[in-house]
Amino acid sequence: MIIGLPYGYDTLLDREFKNGQDLSGGQWQRLVAARGLYRELFDLQAAGYLAEAADGPA
């Protein structure tokens, strides 16, 4: 999906932006699902780091 965009990861995803690209309904759904999975993974990693920092040195 990213490879097919005109500017790859740098593509702005909205027609209101100059050179912005609109996605189909299915593409928007895939993007939202991927962001949710990524956010969940990040939250779990951040919670692990915070727990380690709170425990202090062993």
PDB file of N, CA and C in Angstrom:
ATOM      1  N   MET A   1       0.832  -1.188   0.000  1.00  0.00           N
ATOM      2  CA  MET A   1       0.000   0.000   0.000  1.00  0.00           C
ATOM      3  C   MET A   1       0.878   1.254   0.000  1.00  0.00           C
ATOM      4  N   ILE A   2       1.900   1.307   0.847  1.00  0.00           N
ATOM      5  CA  ILE A   2       2.760   2.489   0.926  1.00  0.00           C
ATOM      6  C   ILE A   2       3.554   2.668  -0.369  1.00  0.00           C
ATOM      7  N   ILE A   3       3.988   1.564  -0.947  1.00  0.00           N
ATOM      8  CA  ILE A   3       4.797   1.626  -2.161  1.00  0.00           C
ATOM      9  C   ILE A   3       4.011   2.272  -3.306  1.00  0.00           C
ATOM     10  N   GLY A   4       2.713   2.066  -3.327  1.00  0.00           N
ATOM     11  CA  GLY A   4       1.885   2.609  -4.394  1.00  0.00           C
ATOM     12  C   GLY A   4       1.562   4.087  -4.258  1.00  0.00           C
ATOM     13  N   LEU A   5       1.892   4.691  -3.136  1.00  0.00           N
ATOM     14  CA  LEU A   5       1.615   6.115  -2.944  1.00  0.00           C
ATOM     15  C   LEU A   5       2.666   6.953  -3.656  1.00  0.00           C
ATOM     16  N   PRO A   6       2.305   8.137  -4.131  1.00  0.00           N
ATOM     17  CA  PRO A   6       3.238   8.945  -4.925  1.00  0.00           C
ATOM     18  C   PRO A   6       4.540   9.298  -4.200  1.00  0.00           C
ATOM     19  N   TYR A   7       4.479   9.569  -2.908  1.00  0.00           N
ATOM     20  CA  TYR A   7       5.669   9.965  -2.152  1.00  0.00           C
ATOM     21  C   TYR A   7       6.002   8.963  -1.048  1.00  0.00           C
ATOM     22  N   GLY A   8       5.494   7.754  -1.162  1.00  0.00           N
ATOM     23  CA  GLY A   8       5.776   6.721  -0.161  1.00  0.00           C
ATOM     24  C   GLY A   8       5.300   7.136   1.221  1.00  0.00           C
ATOM     25  N   TYR A   9       6.165   6.970   2.212  1.00  0.00           N
ATOM     26  CA  TYR A   9       5.810   7.326   3.589  1.00  0.00           C
ATOM     27  C   TYR A   9       5.605   8.824   3.784  1.00  0.00           C
ATOM     28  N   ASP A  10       6.098   9.638   2.877  1.00  0.00           N
ATOM     29  CA  ASP A  10       5.967  11.089   2.999  1.00  0.00           C
ATOM     30  C   ASP A  10       4.688  11.626   2.366  1.00  0.00           C
ATOM     31  N   THR A  11       3.834  10.765   1.844  1.00  0.00           N
ATOM     32  CA  THR A  11       2.584  11.191   1.216  1.00  0.00           C
ATOM     33  C   THR A  11       1.599  11.665   2.277  1.00  0.00           C
ATOM     34  N   LEU A  12       1.025  12.827   2.063  1.00  0.00           N
ATOM     35  CA  LEU A  12      -0.017  13.341   2.949  1.00  0.00           C
ATOM     36  C   LEU A  12      -1.339  12.693   2.557  1.00  0.00           C
ATOM     37  N   LEU A  13      -2.043  12.153   3.538  1.00  0.00           N
ATOM     38  CA  LEU A  13      -3.253  11.383   3.253  1.00  0.00           C
ATOM     39  C   LEU A  13      -4.514  12.217   3.455  1.00  0.00           C
ATOM     40  N   ASP A  14      -4.752  13.129   2.544  1.00  0.00           N
ATOM     41  CA  ASP A  14      -5.980  13.917   2.531  1.00  0.00           C
ATOM     42  C   ASP A  14      -5.941  14.827   1.312  1.00  0.00           C
ATOM     43  N   ARG A  15      -7.023  14.909   0.602  1.00  0.00           N
ATOM     44  CA  ARG A  15      -7.066  15.738  -0.603  1.00  0.00           C
ATOM     45  C   ARG A  15      -7.002  17.228  -0.274  1.00  0.00           C
ATOM     46  N   GLU A  16      -7.196  17.617   0.983  1.00  0.00           N
ATOM     47  CA  GLU A  16      -7.146  19.027   1.341  1.00  0.00           C
ATOM     48  C   GLU A  16      -5.719  19.566   1.320  1.00  0.00           C
ATOM     49  N   PHE A  17      -4.721  18.686   1.414  1.00  0.00           N
ATOM     50  CA  PHE A  17      -3.328  19.097   1.336  1.00  0.00           C
ATOM     51  C   PHE A  17      -2.904  19.201  -0.118  1.00  0.00           C
ATOM     52  N   LYS A  18      -1.976  20.098  -0.397  1.00  0.00           N
ATOM     53  CA  LYS A  18      -1.406  20.163  -1.738  1.00  0.00           C
ATOM     54  C   LYS A  18      -0.691  18.842  -2.007  1.00  0.00           C
ATOM     55  N   ASN A  19      -0.960  18.228  -3.121  1.00  0.00           N
ATOM     56  CA  ASN A  19      -0.406  16.920  -3.496  1.00  0.00           C
ATOM     57  C   ASN A  19      -0.840  15.807  -2.548  1.00  0.00           C
ATOM     58  N   GLY A  20      -1.914  16.014  -1.797  1.00  0.00           N
ATOM     59  CA  GLY A  20      -2.419  14.988  -0.895  1.00  0.00           C
ATOM     60  C   GLY A  20      -3.055  13.845  -1.666  1.00  0.00           C
ATOM     61  N   GLN A  21      -3.074  12.693  -1.080  1.00  0.00           N
ATOM     62  CA  GLN A  21      -3.615  11.486  -1.714  1.00  0.00           C
ATOM     63  C   GLN A  21      -4.776  10.978  -0.876  1.00  0.00           C
ATOM     64  N   ASP A  22      -5.881  10.666  -1.526  1.00  0.00           N
ATOM     65  CA  ASP A  22      -7.014  10.084  -0.825  1.00  0.00           C
ATOM     66  C   ASP A  22      -6.929   8.567  -0.946  1.00  0.00           C
ATOM     67  N   LEU A  23      -7.414   7.863   0.050  1.00  0.00           N
ATOM     68  CA  LEU A  23      -7.414   6.406   0.047  1.00  0.00           C
ATOM     69  C   LEU A  23      -8.840   5.898  -0.140  1.00  0.00           C
ATOM     70  N   SER A  24      -8.961   4.665  -0.578  1.00  0.00           N
ATOM     71  CA  SER A  24     -10.283   4.046  -0.679  1.00  0.00           C
ATOM     72  C   SER A  24     -10.759   3.687   0.732  1.00  0.00           C
ATOM     73  N   GLY A  25     -12.011   3.337   0.863  1.00  0.00           N
ATOM     74  CA  GLY A  25     -12.553   2.961   2.175  1.00  0.00           C
ATOM     75  C   GLY A  25     -11.807   1.795   2.793  1.00  0.00           C
ATOM     76  N   GLY A  26     -11.493   0.778   1.980  1.00  0.00           N
ATOM     77  CA  GLY A  26     -10.760  -0.383   2.475  1.00  0.00           C
ATOM     78  C   GLY A  26      -9.338  -0.040   2.894  1.00  0.00           C
ATOM     79  N   GLN A  27      -8.704   0.874   2.162  1.00  0.00           N
ATOM     80  CA  GLN A  27      -7.347   1.282   2.521  1.00  0.00           C
ATOM     81  C   GLN A  27      -7.342   2.043   3.849  1.00  0.00           C
ATOM     82  N   TRP A  28      -8.346   2.902   4.052  1.00  0.00           N
ATOM     83  CA  TRP A  28      -8.438   3.617   5.327  1.00  0.00           C
ATOM     84  C   TRP A  28      -8.635   2.625   6.476  1.00  0.00           C
ATOM     85  N   GLN A  29      -9.446   1.601   6.264  1.00  0.00           N
ATOM     86  CA  GLN A  29      -9.676   0.606   7.302  1.00  0.00           C
ATOM     87  C   GLN A  29      -8.389  -0.140   7.637  1.00  0.00           C
ATOM     88  N   ARG A  30      -7.627  -0.511   6.629  1.00  0.00           N
ATOM     89  CA  ARG A  30      -6.353  -1.198   6.861  1.00  0.00           C
ATOM     90  C   ARG A  30      -5.376  -0.304   7.621  1.00  0.00           C
ATOM     91  N   LEU A  31      -5.356   0.970   7.273  1.00  0.00           N
ATOM     92  CA  LEU A  31      -4.471   1.912   7.945  1.00  0.00           C
ATOM     93  C   LEU A  31      -4.843   2.064   9.420  1.00  0.00           C
ATOM     94  N   VAL A  32      -6.119   2.195   9.701  1.00  0.00           N
ATOM     95  CA  VAL A  32      -6.579   2.340  11.085  1.00  0.00           C
ATOM     96  C   VAL A  32      -6.267   1.075  11.888  1.00  0.00           C
ATOM     97  N   ALA A  33      -6.463  -0.089  11.304  1.00  0.00           N
ATOM     98  CA  ALA A  33      -6.155  -1.342  12.003  1.00  0.00           C
ATOM     99  C   ALA A  33      -4.660  -1.436  12.307  1.00  0.00           C
ATOM    100  N   ALA A  34      -3.826  -1.075  11.351  1.00  0.00           N
ATOM    101  CA  ALA A  34      -2.379  -1.129  11.561  1.00  0.00           C
ATOM    102  C   ALA A  34      -1.937  -0.147  12.640  1.00  0.00           C
ATOM    103  N   ARG A  35      -2.515   1.043  12.646  1.00  0.00           N
ATOM    104  CA  ARG A  35      -2.170   2.021  13.683  1.00  0.00           C
ATOM    105  C   ARG A  35      -2.576   1.517  15.063  1.00  0.00           C
ATOM    106  N   GLY A  36      -3.731   0.873  15.149  1.00  0.00           N
ATOM    107  CA  GLY A  36      -4.179   0.331  16.429  1.00  0.00           C
ATOM    108  C   GLY A  36      -3.249  -0.751  16.938  1.00  0.00           C
ATOM    109  N   LEU A  37      -2.808  -1.647  16.057  1.00  0.00           N
ATOM    110  CA  LEU A  37      -1.881  -2.702  16.460  1.00  0.00           C
ATOM    111  C   LEU A  37      -0.537  -2.120  16.874  1.00  0.00           C
ATOM    112  N   TYR A  38      -0.058  -1.136  16.128  1.00  0.00           N
ATOM    113  CA  TYR A  38       1.218  -0.502  16.444  1.00  0.00           C
ATOM    114  C   TYR A  38       1.130   0.217  17.793  1.00  0.00           C
ATOM    115  N   ARG A  39       0.034   0.923  18.027  1.00  0.00           N
ATOM    116  CA  ARG A  39      -0.130   1.652  19.287  1.00  0.00           C
ATOM    117  C   ARG A  39      -0.157   0.685  20.466  1.00  0.00           C
ATOM    118  N   GLU A  40      -0.859  -0.443  20.308  1.00  0.00           N
ATOM    119  CA  GLU A  40      -0.927  -1.434  21.381  1.00  0.00           C
ATOM    120  C   GLU A  40       0.465  -1.987  21.685  1.00  0.00           C
ATOM    121  N   LEU A  41       1.238  -2.289  20.667  1.00  0.00           N
ATOM    122  CA  LEU A  41       2.598  -2.783  20.849  1.00  0.00           C
ATOM    123  C   LEU A  41       3.451  -1.738  21.554  1.00  0.00           C
ATOM    124  N   PHE A  42       3.347  -0.480  21.139  1.00  0.00           N
ATOM    125  CA  PHE A  42       4.116   0.594  21.758  1.00  0.00           C
ATOM    126  C   PHE A  42       3.734   0.768  23.221  1.00  0.00           C
ATOM    127  N   ASP A  43       2.446   0.720  23.527  1.00  0.00           N
ATOM    128  CA  ASP A  43       1.986   0.865  24.913  1.00  0.00           C
ATOM    129  C   ASP A  43       2.544  -0.251  25.790  1.00  0.00           C
ATOM    130  N   LEU A  44       2.576  -1.487  25.274  1.00  0.00           N
ATOM    131  CA  LEU A  44       3.118  -2.603  26.053  1.00  0.00           C
ATOM    132  C   LEU A  44       4.609  -2.430  26.293  1.00  0.00           C
ATOM    133  N   GLN A  45       5.343  -1.980  25.296  1.00  0.00           N
ATOM    134  CA  GLN A  45       6.771  -1.758  25.456  1.00  0.00           C
ATOM    135  C   GLN A  45       7.038  -0.632  26.444  1.00  0.00           C
ATOM    136  N   ALA A  46       6.295   0.462  26.329  1.00  0.00           N
ATOM    137  CA  ALA A  46       6.483   1.602  27.225  1.00  0.00           C
ATOM    138  C   ALA A  46       6.166   1.199  28.662  1.00  0.00           C
ATOM    139  N   ALA A  47       5.130   0.405  28.868  1.00  0.00           N
ATOM    140  CA  ALA A  47       4.775  -0.042  30.214  1.00  0.00           C
ATOM    141  C   ALA A  47       5.901  -0.895  30.795  1.00  0.00           C
ATOM    142  N   GLY A  48       6.525  -1.714  29.974  1.00  0.00           N
ATOM    143  CA  GLY A  48       7.638  -2.534  30.438  1.00  0.00           C
ATOM    144  C   GLY A  48       8.824  -1.686  30.857  1.00  0.00           C
ATOM    145  N   TYR A  49       9.135  -0.653  30.072  1.00  0.00           N
ATOM    146  CA  TYR A  49      10.249   0.235  30.415  1.00  0.00           C
ATOM    147  C   TYR A  49       9.956   0.999  31.692  1.00  0.00           C
ATOM    148  N   LEU A  50       8.718   1.452  31.856  1.00  0.00           N
ATOM    149  CA  LEU A  50       8.368   2.186  33.074  1.00  0.00           C
ATOM    150  C   LEU A  50       8.452   1.288  34.301  1.00  0.00           C
ATOM    151  N   ALA A  51       8.043   0.046  34.164  1.00  0.00           N
ATOM    152  CA  ALA A  51       8.121  -0.892  35.287  1.00  0.00           C
ATOM    153  C   ALA A  51       9.574  -1.150  35.667  1.00  0.00           C
ATOM    154  N   GLU A  52      10.452  -1.287  34.683  1.00  0.00           N
ATOM    155  CA  GLU A  52      11.860  -1.487  34.964  1.00  0.00           C
ATOM    156  C   GLU A  52      12.456  -0.282  35.675  1.00  0.00           C
ATOM    157  N   ALA A  53      12.088   0.920  35.216  1.00  0.00           N
ATOM    158  CA  ALA A  53      12.615   2.123  35.841  1.00  0.00           C
ATOM    159  C   ALA A  53      12.113   2.280  37.269  1.00  0.00           C
ATOM    160  N   ALA A  54      10.886   1.887  37.537  1.00  0.00           N
ATOM    161  CA  ALA A  54      10.315   2.002  38.880  1.00  0.00           C
ATOM    162  C   ALA A  54      10.956   1.014  39.851  1.00  0.00           C
ATOM    163  N   ASP A  55      11.393  -0.125  39.340  1.00  0.00           N
ATOM    164  CA  ASP A  55      12.001  -1.143  40.193  1.00  0.00           C
ATOM    165  C   ASP A  55      13.371  -0.710  40.707  1.00  0.00           C
ATOM    166  N   GLY A  56      14.050   0.144  39.969  1.00  0.00           N
ATOM    167  CA  GLY A  56      15.375   0.578  40.377  1.00  0.00           C
ATOM    168  C   GLY A  56      16.420  -0.480  40.083  1.00  0.00           C
ATOM    169  N   PRO A  57      17.666  -0.205  40.487  1.00  0.00           N
ATOM    170  CA  PRO A  57      18.738  -1.158  40.215  1.00  0.00           C
ATOM    171  C   PRO A  57      18.571  -2.449  40.996  1.00  0.00           C
ATOM    172  N   ALA A  58      19.003  -3.528  40.391  1.00  0.00           N
ATOM    173  CA  ALA A  58      18.871  -4.844  41.048  1.00  0.00           C
ATOM    174  C   ALA A  58      20.032  -5.100  41.971  1.00  0.00           C
TER     175      ALA A  58
END
